[in-house]
Amino acid sequence: MKALLFTPLISAVILFSACHTKKAATAETDSITGKKWQLIELGGKPVAATINGKVPFIQFDEADQRYSASAGCNGLGGTFTLSGNGQLKFTQGMSTMMACDHMEIENGFKSMLEEVDNYTISGNTLSLNKARMAPLARFELVADESADLNDAQEVDYIPRRF
C-alpha cells in the first residue's frame, strides 16, 4: 500500500521539478535579452557614461541569438549562446573599422567578449564573467532608451513646406 502511494508522489515531484527548471532557464534568458545594457565597468575600472559622444552598450536579441554592441567608436556584432546555469559564449561577427580616440576601451571590450563564459545579474546590473574570477565587465540596464545619446544623434530632419 505504501509503495502505491509513494510512486505517484515521487513521479509528481519529478514532473513539477522538471517544469520549474525549464521556467527558470527561460526567465534567465528573458532577463538579459531584449534590453539595452550600458557598460559601466571594464576590467575592474569604471567607464565613462559616454565615449566619443556615444554610450557604450551591449544588446541581446533572443530571436536571432545575435548581439549588437559599441564601446564608443565602432559597431560590433555577432552571435551568442546561452546555456543553463548562466553560461554564455560570444562569437564575433561584423564590426566597423574606424579609428577613434579612446580605442583602449574598445580593444578591452573586444577581448572581454572572447573570454566571457558566464553571466550573473544582480538587480539592474549585468556582470559578464570568466569562471569564478572577478567580473570582466559590468553593465547597467538602460531604463529609458529614448534618452540614449546614440538615438538622439540620429534624428531625421524633415523640412517643412509652406
N, C-alpha and C. Protein backbone atom coordinates (compact mmCIF):
# COMPACT_ATOMS: atom_id res chain seq x y z
N MET A 1 0.82 -1.20 0.00
CA MET A 1 0.00 0.00 0.00
C MET A 1 0.86 1.26 0.00
N LYS A 2 1.93 1.26 0.82
CA LYS A 2 2.82 2.42 0.87
C LYS A 2 3.50 2.64 -0.48
N ALA A 3 3.87 1.55 -1.15
CA ALA A 3 4.53 1.65 -2.45
C ALA A 3 3.59 2.26 -3.49
N LEU A 4 2.29 1.95 -3.40
CA LEU A 4 1.33 2.51 -4.34
C LEU A 4 1.18 4.02 -4.18
N LEU A 5 1.28 4.53 -2.97
CA LEU A 5 1.19 5.97 -2.74
C LEU A 5 2.52 6.67 -3.00
N PHE A 6 3.61 5.99 -2.70
CA PHE A 6 4.93 6.59 -2.82
C PHE A 6 5.33 6.83 -4.28
N THR A 7 5.05 5.90 -5.18
CA THR A 7 5.44 6.00 -6.59
C THR A 7 4.78 7.20 -7.29
N PRO A 8 3.47 7.39 -7.17
CA PRO A 8 2.87 8.58 -7.81
C PRO A 8 3.39 9.89 -7.20
N LEU A 9 3.67 9.88 -5.91
CA LEU A 9 4.17 11.09 -5.26
C LEU A 9 5.55 11.46 -5.82
N ILE A 10 6.43 10.50 -5.95
CA ILE A 10 7.77 10.74 -6.50
C ILE A 10 7.65 11.21 -7.96
N SER A 11 6.79 10.57 -8.73
CA SER A 11 6.59 10.96 -10.12
C SER A 11 6.12 12.40 -10.23
N ALA A 12 5.20 12.80 -9.38
CA ALA A 12 4.69 14.17 -9.40
C ALA A 12 5.79 15.17 -9.03
N VAL A 13 6.61 14.85 -8.05
CA VAL A 13 7.70 15.74 -7.65
C VAL A 13 8.69 15.91 -8.80
N ILE A 14 9.04 14.82 -9.47
CA ILE A 14 9.97 14.89 -10.59
C ILE A 14 9.38 15.72 -11.73
N LEU A 15 8.11 15.51 -12.04
CA LEU A 15 7.45 16.25 -13.11
C LEU A 15 7.43 17.75 -12.82
N PHE A 16 7.03 18.13 -11.61
CA PHE A 16 6.97 19.54 -11.25
C PHE A 16 8.37 20.16 -11.20
N SER A 17 9.36 19.41 -10.77
CA SER A 17 10.73 19.92 -10.73
C SER A 17 11.23 20.19 -12.14
N ALA A 18 10.95 19.30 -13.06
CA ALA A 18 11.38 19.48 -14.45
C ALA A 18 10.74 20.72 -15.05
N CYS A 19 9.47 20.94 -14.80
CA CYS A 19 8.77 22.12 -15.32
C CYS A 19 9.35 23.39 -14.71
N HIS A 20 9.64 23.36 -13.43
CA HIS A 20 10.18 24.53 -12.75
C HIS A 20 11.57 24.88 -13.30
N THR A 21 12.40 23.90 -13.57
CA THR A 21 13.73 24.13 -14.11
C THR A 21 13.64 24.80 -15.47
N LYS A 22 12.75 24.36 -16.32
CA LYS A 22 12.58 24.94 -17.65
C LYS A 22 12.15 26.40 -17.54
N LYS A 23 11.24 26.71 -16.64
CA LYS A 23 10.79 28.08 -16.47
C LYS A 23 11.93 28.96 -15.99
N ALA A 24 12.77 28.46 -15.09
CA ALA A 24 13.89 29.25 -14.57
C ALA A 24 14.85 29.59 -15.69
N ALA A 25 15.12 28.65 -16.58
CA ALA A 25 16.03 28.91 -17.70
C ALA A 25 15.44 29.97 -18.62
N THR A 26 14.15 29.91 -18.88
CA THR A 26 13.51 30.91 -19.74
C THR A 26 13.54 32.28 -19.07
N ALA A 27 13.28 32.34 -17.78
CA ALA A 27 13.34 33.62 -17.07
C ALA A 27 14.74 34.19 -17.13
N GLU A 28 15.77 33.34 -17.04
CA GLU A 28 17.15 33.77 -17.14
C GLU A 28 17.39 34.42 -18.51
N THR A 29 16.96 33.75 -19.57
CA THR A 29 17.13 34.26 -20.92
C THR A 29 16.39 35.58 -21.08
N ASP A 30 15.15 35.63 -20.63
CA ASP A 30 14.36 36.85 -20.76
C ASP A 30 15.00 38.02 -20.00
N SER A 31 15.74 37.72 -18.95
CA SER A 31 16.26 38.79 -18.13
C SER A 31 17.41 39.54 -18.80
N ILE A 32 18.11 38.96 -19.79
CA ILE A 32 19.17 39.71 -20.45
C ILE A 32 18.82 40.09 -21.89
N THR A 33 17.89 39.38 -22.51
CA THR A 33 17.58 39.65 -23.91
C THR A 33 16.51 40.72 -24.04
N GLY A 34 16.52 41.37 -25.20
CA GLY A 34 15.51 42.39 -25.48
C GLY A 34 15.70 43.66 -24.70
N LYS A 35 16.87 43.84 -24.10
CA LYS A 35 17.16 45.03 -23.31
C LYS A 35 18.50 45.59 -23.72
N LYS A 36 18.69 46.86 -23.42
CA LYS A 36 19.97 47.50 -23.69
C LYS A 36 20.70 47.66 -22.37
N TRP A 37 21.98 47.27 -22.36
CA TRP A 37 22.81 47.31 -21.17
C TRP A 37 23.98 48.26 -21.42
N GLN A 38 24.13 49.28 -20.56
CA GLN A 38 25.21 50.25 -20.70
C GLN A 38 26.44 49.79 -19.94
N LEU A 39 27.60 49.83 -20.60
CA LEU A 39 28.87 49.47 -19.99
C LEU A 39 29.23 50.48 -18.91
N ILE A 40 29.47 50.00 -17.68
CA ILE A 40 29.84 50.91 -16.59
C ILE A 40 31.21 50.57 -16.00
N GLU A 41 31.70 49.35 -16.27
CA GLU A 41 33.00 48.94 -15.74
C GLU A 41 33.62 47.91 -16.68
N LEU A 42 34.92 48.05 -16.92
CA LEU A 42 35.64 47.13 -17.78
C LEU A 42 36.98 46.81 -17.12
N GLY A 43 37.23 45.54 -16.88
CA GLY A 43 38.48 45.13 -16.24
C GLY A 43 38.65 45.71 -14.85
N GLY A 44 37.55 45.91 -14.13
CA GLY A 44 37.61 46.45 -12.78
C GLY A 44 37.73 47.96 -12.70
N LYS A 45 37.74 48.65 -13.85
CA LYS A 45 37.86 50.11 -13.86
C LYS A 45 36.57 50.73 -14.39
N PRO A 46 36.13 51.84 -13.78
CA PRO A 46 34.91 52.49 -14.25
C PRO A 46 35.06 53.02 -15.67
N VAL A 47 33.96 53.01 -16.40
CA VAL A 47 33.92 53.51 -17.78
C VAL A 47 33.03 54.74 -17.81
N ALA A 48 33.45 55.75 -18.53
CA ALA A 48 32.68 56.99 -18.65
C ALA A 48 31.31 56.70 -19.26
N ALA A 49 30.34 57.54 -18.94
CA ALA A 49 28.97 57.36 -19.45
C ALA A 49 28.92 57.48 -20.96
N THR A 50 29.79 58.32 -21.53
CA THR A 50 29.88 58.42 -22.99
C THR A 50 31.36 58.38 -23.38
N ILE A 51 31.62 57.77 -24.51
CA ILE A 51 32.97 57.73 -25.07
C ILE A 51 32.84 58.21 -26.51
N ASN A 52 33.58 59.24 -26.82
CA ASN A 52 33.49 59.85 -28.16
C ASN A 52 32.06 60.27 -28.48
N GLY A 53 31.32 60.70 -27.47
CA GLY A 53 29.94 61.15 -27.65
C GLY A 53 28.92 60.04 -27.78
N LYS A 54 29.32 58.79 -27.57
CA LYS A 54 28.41 57.65 -27.69
C LYS A 54 28.35 56.87 -26.38
N VAL A 55 27.21 56.28 -26.10
CA VAL A 55 27.03 55.47 -24.91
C VAL A 55 27.52 54.05 -25.22
N PRO A 56 28.49 53.53 -24.47
CA PRO A 56 28.94 52.15 -24.70
C PRO A 56 27.88 51.16 -24.19
N PHE A 57 27.53 50.15 -25.00
CA PHE A 57 26.42 49.28 -24.65
C PHE A 57 26.58 47.89 -25.26
N ILE A 58 25.70 46.99 -24.81
CA ILE A 58 25.50 45.69 -25.45
C ILE A 58 24.02 45.39 -25.40
N GLN A 59 23.53 44.73 -26.44
CA GLN A 59 22.10 44.39 -26.54
C GLN A 59 21.99 42.98 -27.12
N PHE A 60 21.10 42.17 -26.54
CA PHE A 60 20.92 40.78 -26.95
C PHE A 60 19.57 40.59 -27.61
N ASP A 61 19.54 39.96 -28.79
CA ASP A 61 18.31 39.65 -29.50
C ASP A 61 18.09 38.15 -29.41
N GLU A 62 17.12 37.74 -28.62
CA GLU A 62 16.86 36.33 -28.37
C GLU A 62 16.43 35.58 -29.63
N ALA A 63 15.60 36.19 -30.46
CA ALA A 63 15.06 35.50 -31.65
C ALA A 63 16.17 35.05 -32.60
N ASP A 64 17.15 35.91 -32.85
CA ASP A 64 18.24 35.60 -33.78
C ASP A 64 19.49 35.09 -33.08
N GLN A 65 19.49 35.12 -31.73
CA GLN A 65 20.68 34.77 -30.95
C GLN A 65 21.87 35.63 -31.38
N ARG A 66 21.60 36.93 -31.59
CA ARG A 66 22.63 37.87 -32.01
C ARG A 66 22.77 38.97 -30.97
N TYR A 67 23.95 39.54 -30.91
CA TYR A 67 24.17 40.70 -30.05
C TYR A 67 24.67 41.85 -30.89
N SER A 68 24.42 43.06 -30.43
CA SER A 68 25.00 44.26 -31.03
C SER A 68 25.59 45.07 -29.89
N ALA A 69 26.68 45.75 -30.18
CA ALA A 69 27.39 46.46 -29.12
C ALA A 69 28.19 47.61 -29.70
N SER A 70 28.62 48.49 -28.81
CA SER A 70 29.54 49.56 -29.16
C SER A 70 30.29 49.94 -27.91
N ALA A 71 31.59 50.22 -28.08
CA ALA A 71 32.39 50.69 -26.95
C ALA A 71 32.77 52.15 -27.16
N GLY A 72 31.96 52.85 -27.94
CA GLY A 72 32.17 54.28 -28.13
C GLY A 72 32.77 54.66 -29.46
N CYS A 73 33.02 53.68 -30.31
CA CYS A 73 33.58 54.00 -31.63
C CYS A 73 32.89 53.15 -32.69
N ASN A 74 33.31 51.91 -32.81
CA ASN A 74 32.79 51.02 -33.84
C ASN A 74 31.58 50.22 -33.37
N GLY A 75 30.73 49.88 -34.32
CA GLY A 75 29.63 48.97 -34.03
C GLY A 75 30.16 47.54 -34.08
N LEU A 76 29.79 46.74 -33.09
CA LEU A 76 30.21 45.35 -33.02
C LEU A 76 28.98 44.47 -33.05
N GLY A 77 29.13 43.26 -33.52
CA GLY A 77 28.02 42.33 -33.52
C GLY A 77 28.49 40.92 -33.72
N GLY A 78 27.60 39.99 -33.49
CA GLY A 78 27.90 38.58 -33.65
C GLY A 78 26.78 37.76 -33.05
N THR A 79 27.10 36.52 -32.73
CA THR A 79 26.11 35.64 -32.14
C THR A 79 26.49 35.32 -30.70
N PHE A 80 25.51 34.87 -29.95
CA PHE A 80 25.76 34.43 -28.58
C PHE A 80 24.99 33.15 -28.35
N THR A 81 25.47 32.38 -27.38
CA THR A 81 24.83 31.14 -27.00
C THR A 81 24.62 31.16 -25.49
N LEU A 82 23.38 30.98 -25.06
CA LEU A 82 23.06 30.87 -23.65
C LEU A 82 22.80 29.41 -23.32
N SER A 83 23.41 28.94 -22.25
CA SER A 83 23.16 27.59 -21.76
C SER A 83 22.66 27.69 -20.33
N GLY A 84 22.33 26.56 -19.75
CA GLY A 84 21.84 26.56 -18.37
C GLY A 84 22.87 27.11 -17.40
N ASN A 85 22.40 27.49 -16.23
CA ASN A 85 23.24 28.00 -15.14
C ASN A 85 24.03 29.25 -15.52
N GLY A 86 23.49 30.08 -16.39
CA GLY A 86 24.13 31.35 -16.71
C GLY A 86 25.33 31.26 -17.62
N GLN A 87 25.50 30.16 -18.31
CA GLN A 87 26.62 30.02 -19.25
C GLN A 87 26.35 30.88 -20.48
N LEU A 88 27.39 31.56 -20.96
CA LEU A 88 27.27 32.48 -22.08
C LEU A 88 28.53 32.43 -22.92
N LYS A 89 28.38 32.37 -24.23
CA LYS A 89 29.52 32.37 -25.14
C LYS A 89 29.22 33.29 -26.30
N PHE A 90 30.21 34.11 -26.66
CA PHE A 90 30.09 35.04 -27.79
C PHE A 90 30.90 34.54 -28.97
N THR A 91 30.39 34.78 -30.17
CA THR A 91 31.13 34.57 -31.40
C THR A 91 31.10 35.89 -32.14
N GLN A 92 32.30 36.46 -32.38
CA GLN A 92 32.36 37.77 -33.01
C GLN A 92 32.00 37.67 -34.48
N GLY A 93 31.22 38.64 -34.92
CA GLY A 93 30.81 38.70 -36.31
C GLY A 93 31.32 39.98 -36.94
N MET A 94 30.40 40.82 -37.37
CA MET A 94 30.75 42.05 -38.07
C MET A 94 31.24 43.13 -37.11
N SER A 95 32.01 44.06 -37.68
CA SER A 95 32.46 45.22 -36.94
C SER A 95 32.85 46.29 -37.94
N THR A 96 32.51 47.54 -37.63
CA THR A 96 33.04 48.62 -38.44
C THR A 96 34.50 48.80 -38.03
N MET A 97 35.28 49.54 -38.80
CA MET A 97 36.71 49.62 -38.52
C MET A 97 37.22 51.06 -38.55
N MET A 98 36.57 51.94 -37.82
CA MET A 98 37.00 53.33 -37.74
C MET A 98 38.07 53.46 -36.65
N ALA A 99 38.90 54.47 -36.77
CA ALA A 99 39.87 54.80 -35.73
C ALA A 99 39.30 55.99 -34.96
N CYS A 100 39.25 55.87 -33.65
CA CYS A 100 38.70 56.93 -32.80
C CYS A 100 39.62 57.14 -31.60
N ASP A 101 39.34 58.18 -30.83
CA ASP A 101 40.01 58.36 -29.55
C ASP A 101 39.54 57.26 -28.60
N HIS A 102 40.32 56.97 -27.60
CA HIS A 102 39.98 56.02 -26.54
C HIS A 102 39.76 54.60 -27.07
N MET A 103 40.59 54.18 -28.00
CA MET A 103 40.47 52.83 -28.57
C MET A 103 40.79 51.75 -27.53
N GLU A 104 41.47 52.13 -26.45
CA GLU A 104 41.79 51.14 -25.41
C GLU A 104 40.52 50.54 -24.80
N ILE A 105 39.46 51.32 -24.70
CA ILE A 105 38.18 50.81 -24.18
C ILE A 105 37.61 49.80 -25.17
N GLU A 106 37.61 50.14 -26.44
CA GLU A 106 37.07 49.23 -27.44
C GLU A 106 37.89 47.94 -27.54
N ASN A 107 39.21 48.06 -27.52
CA ASN A 107 40.06 46.86 -27.58
C ASN A 107 39.83 45.97 -26.37
N GLY A 108 39.70 46.57 -25.20
CA GLY A 108 39.40 45.80 -23.98
C GLY A 108 38.03 45.15 -24.06
N PHE A 109 37.07 45.85 -24.64
CA PHE A 109 35.71 45.32 -24.80
C PHE A 109 35.73 44.09 -25.70
N LYS A 110 36.44 44.17 -26.83
CA LYS A 110 36.53 43.03 -27.75
C LYS A 110 37.19 41.83 -27.08
N SER A 111 38.27 42.08 -26.35
CA SER A 111 38.97 40.99 -25.65
C SER A 111 38.06 40.35 -24.60
N MET A 112 37.31 41.18 -23.89
CA MET A 112 36.39 40.68 -22.88
C MET A 112 35.37 39.73 -23.49
N LEU A 113 34.83 40.07 -24.66
CA LEU A 113 33.83 39.22 -25.31
C LEU A 113 34.40 37.84 -25.64
N GLU A 114 35.68 37.77 -25.96
CA GLU A 114 36.32 36.49 -26.27
C GLU A 114 36.50 35.62 -25.03
N GLU A 115 36.63 36.24 -23.86
CA GLU A 115 36.91 35.50 -22.63
C GLU A 115 35.66 35.08 -21.85
N VAL A 116 34.57 35.79 -22.01
CA VAL A 116 33.36 35.53 -21.21
C VAL A 116 32.89 34.09 -21.35
N ASP A 117 32.54 33.48 -20.22
CA ASP A 117 31.92 32.16 -20.28
C ASP A 117 30.66 32.06 -19.43
N ASN A 118 30.34 33.13 -18.66
CA ASN A 118 29.10 33.12 -17.89
C ASN A 118 28.70 34.54 -17.53
N TYR A 119 27.47 34.67 -17.05
CA TYR A 119 26.97 35.98 -16.62
C TYR A 119 26.18 35.83 -15.33
N THR A 120 26.07 36.93 -14.61
CA THR A 120 25.22 37.00 -13.43
C THR A 120 24.47 38.33 -13.47
N ILE A 121 23.30 38.34 -12.85
CA ILE A 121 22.51 39.57 -12.75
C ILE A 121 22.22 39.82 -11.28
N SER A 122 22.44 41.05 -10.86
CA SER A 122 22.11 41.47 -9.51
C SER A 122 21.36 42.79 -9.64
N GLY A 123 20.07 42.75 -9.41
CA GLY A 123 19.24 43.95 -9.60
C GLY A 123 19.26 44.37 -11.05
N ASN A 124 19.71 45.58 -11.34
CA ASN A 124 19.79 46.10 -12.71
C ASN A 124 21.21 46.05 -13.26
N THR A 125 22.07 45.23 -12.65
CA THR A 125 23.46 45.12 -13.07
C THR A 125 23.75 43.75 -13.66
N LEU A 126 24.26 43.75 -14.88
CA LEU A 126 24.67 42.54 -15.57
C LEU A 126 26.19 42.44 -15.49
N SER A 127 26.71 41.31 -15.02
CA SER A 127 28.15 41.09 -14.97
C SER A 127 28.49 39.98 -15.95
N LEU A 128 29.48 40.24 -16.80
CA LEU A 128 30.00 39.22 -17.70
C LEU A 128 31.30 38.71 -17.09
N ASN A 129 31.39 37.40 -16.91
CA ASN A 129 32.45 36.80 -16.12
C ASN A 129 33.21 35.72 -16.86
N LYS A 130 34.36 35.38 -16.31
CA LYS A 130 35.12 34.21 -16.74
C LYS A 130 35.34 33.37 -15.49
N ALA A 131 34.83 32.14 -15.54
CA ALA A 131 34.91 31.21 -14.40
C ALA A 131 34.38 31.90 -13.16
N ARG A 132 35.10 31.77 -12.06
CA ARG A 132 34.65 32.39 -10.80
C ARG A 132 35.52 33.59 -10.42
N MET A 133 36.17 34.17 -11.42
CA MET A 133 37.02 35.33 -11.17
C MET A 133 36.16 36.58 -11.05
N ALA A 134 36.81 37.68 -10.76
CA ALA A 134 36.10 38.97 -10.71
C ALA A 134 35.49 39.25 -12.08
N PRO A 135 34.39 39.97 -12.13
CA PRO A 135 33.75 40.26 -13.42
C PRO A 135 34.70 40.93 -14.41
N LEU A 136 34.61 40.51 -15.66
CA LEU A 136 35.39 41.14 -16.72
C LEU A 136 34.78 42.49 -17.09
N ALA A 137 33.44 42.57 -17.02
CA ALA A 137 32.73 43.81 -17.35
C ALA A 137 31.41 43.82 -16.61
N ARG A 138 30.96 45.03 -16.31
CA ARG A 138 29.65 45.22 -15.70
C ARG A 138 28.85 46.21 -16.55
N PHE A 139 27.56 45.93 -16.63
CA PHE A 139 26.64 46.76 -17.40
C PHE A 139 25.45 47.10 -16.53
N GLU A 140 24.86 48.24 -16.79
CA GLU A 140 23.65 48.66 -16.09
C GLU A 140 22.51 48.74 -17.10
N LEU A 141 21.35 48.28 -16.69
CA LEU A 141 20.18 48.30 -17.55
C LEU A 141 19.84 49.74 -17.93
N VAL A 142 19.63 49.98 -19.22
CA VAL A 142 19.22 51.30 -19.70
C VAL A 142 17.71 51.36 -19.54
N ALA A 143 17.25 52.18 -18.61
CA ALA A 143 15.83 52.24 -18.28
C ALA A 143 15.01 52.89 -19.39
N ASP A 144 15.52 53.97 -19.96
CA ASP A 144 14.77 54.72 -20.96
C ASP A 144 15.64 54.89 -22.19
N GLU A 145 15.47 54.01 -23.16
CA GLU A 145 16.30 54.08 -24.36
C GLU A 145 16.05 55.33 -25.18
N SER A 146 14.91 55.97 -25.01
CA SER A 146 14.63 57.18 -25.78
C SER A 146 15.55 58.32 -25.35
N ALA A 147 16.12 58.22 -24.14
CA ALA A 147 17.03 59.24 -23.66
C ALA A 147 18.47 58.95 -24.04
N ASP A 148 18.72 57.86 -24.72
CA ASP A 148 20.05 57.42 -25.12
C ASP A 148 20.67 58.44 -26.08
N LEU A 149 21.93 58.80 -25.85
CA LEU A 149 22.59 59.77 -26.71
C LEU A 149 22.76 59.27 -28.13
N ASN A 150 23.00 57.96 -28.29
CA ASN A 150 23.16 57.42 -29.64
C ASN A 150 21.89 57.63 -30.46
N ASP A 151 20.75 57.39 -29.85
CA ASP A 151 19.48 57.59 -30.55
C ASP A 151 19.23 59.07 -30.82
N ALA A 152 19.60 59.93 -29.88
CA ALA A 152 19.35 61.36 -30.02
C ALA A 152 20.13 61.96 -31.17
N GLN A 153 21.30 61.38 -31.49
CA GLN A 153 22.11 61.91 -32.57
C GLN A 153 21.60 61.50 -33.94
N GLU A 154 20.69 60.56 -34.00
CA GLU A 154 20.22 60.05 -35.28
C GLU A 154 18.81 60.52 -35.61
N VAL A 155 18.55 61.79 -35.37
CA VAL A 155 17.23 62.36 -35.64
C VAL A 155 17.17 62.77 -37.10
N ASP A 156 16.15 62.34 -37.79
CA ASP A 156 15.96 62.74 -39.17
C ASP A 156 15.36 64.14 -39.21
N TYR A 157 15.85 64.94 -40.15
CA TYR A 157 15.34 66.28 -40.34
C TYR A 157 14.40 66.26 -41.54
N ILE A 158 13.19 66.71 -41.34
CA ILE A 158 12.21 66.78 -42.41
C ILE A 158 11.82 68.25 -42.57
N PRO A 159 12.21 68.86 -43.69
CA PRO A 159 11.89 70.28 -43.86
C PRO A 159 10.39 70.50 -44.03
N ARG A 160 9.91 71.60 -43.52
CA ARG A 160 8.51 71.94 -43.65
C ARG A 160 8.31 72.75 -44.92
N ARG A 161 7.23 72.51 -45.60
CA ARG A 161 6.89 73.28 -46.79
C ARG A 161 5.75 74.23 -46.44
N PHE A 162 5.91 75.46 -46.87
CA PHE A 162 4.87 76.45 -46.60
C PHE A 162 4.10 76.78 -47.83
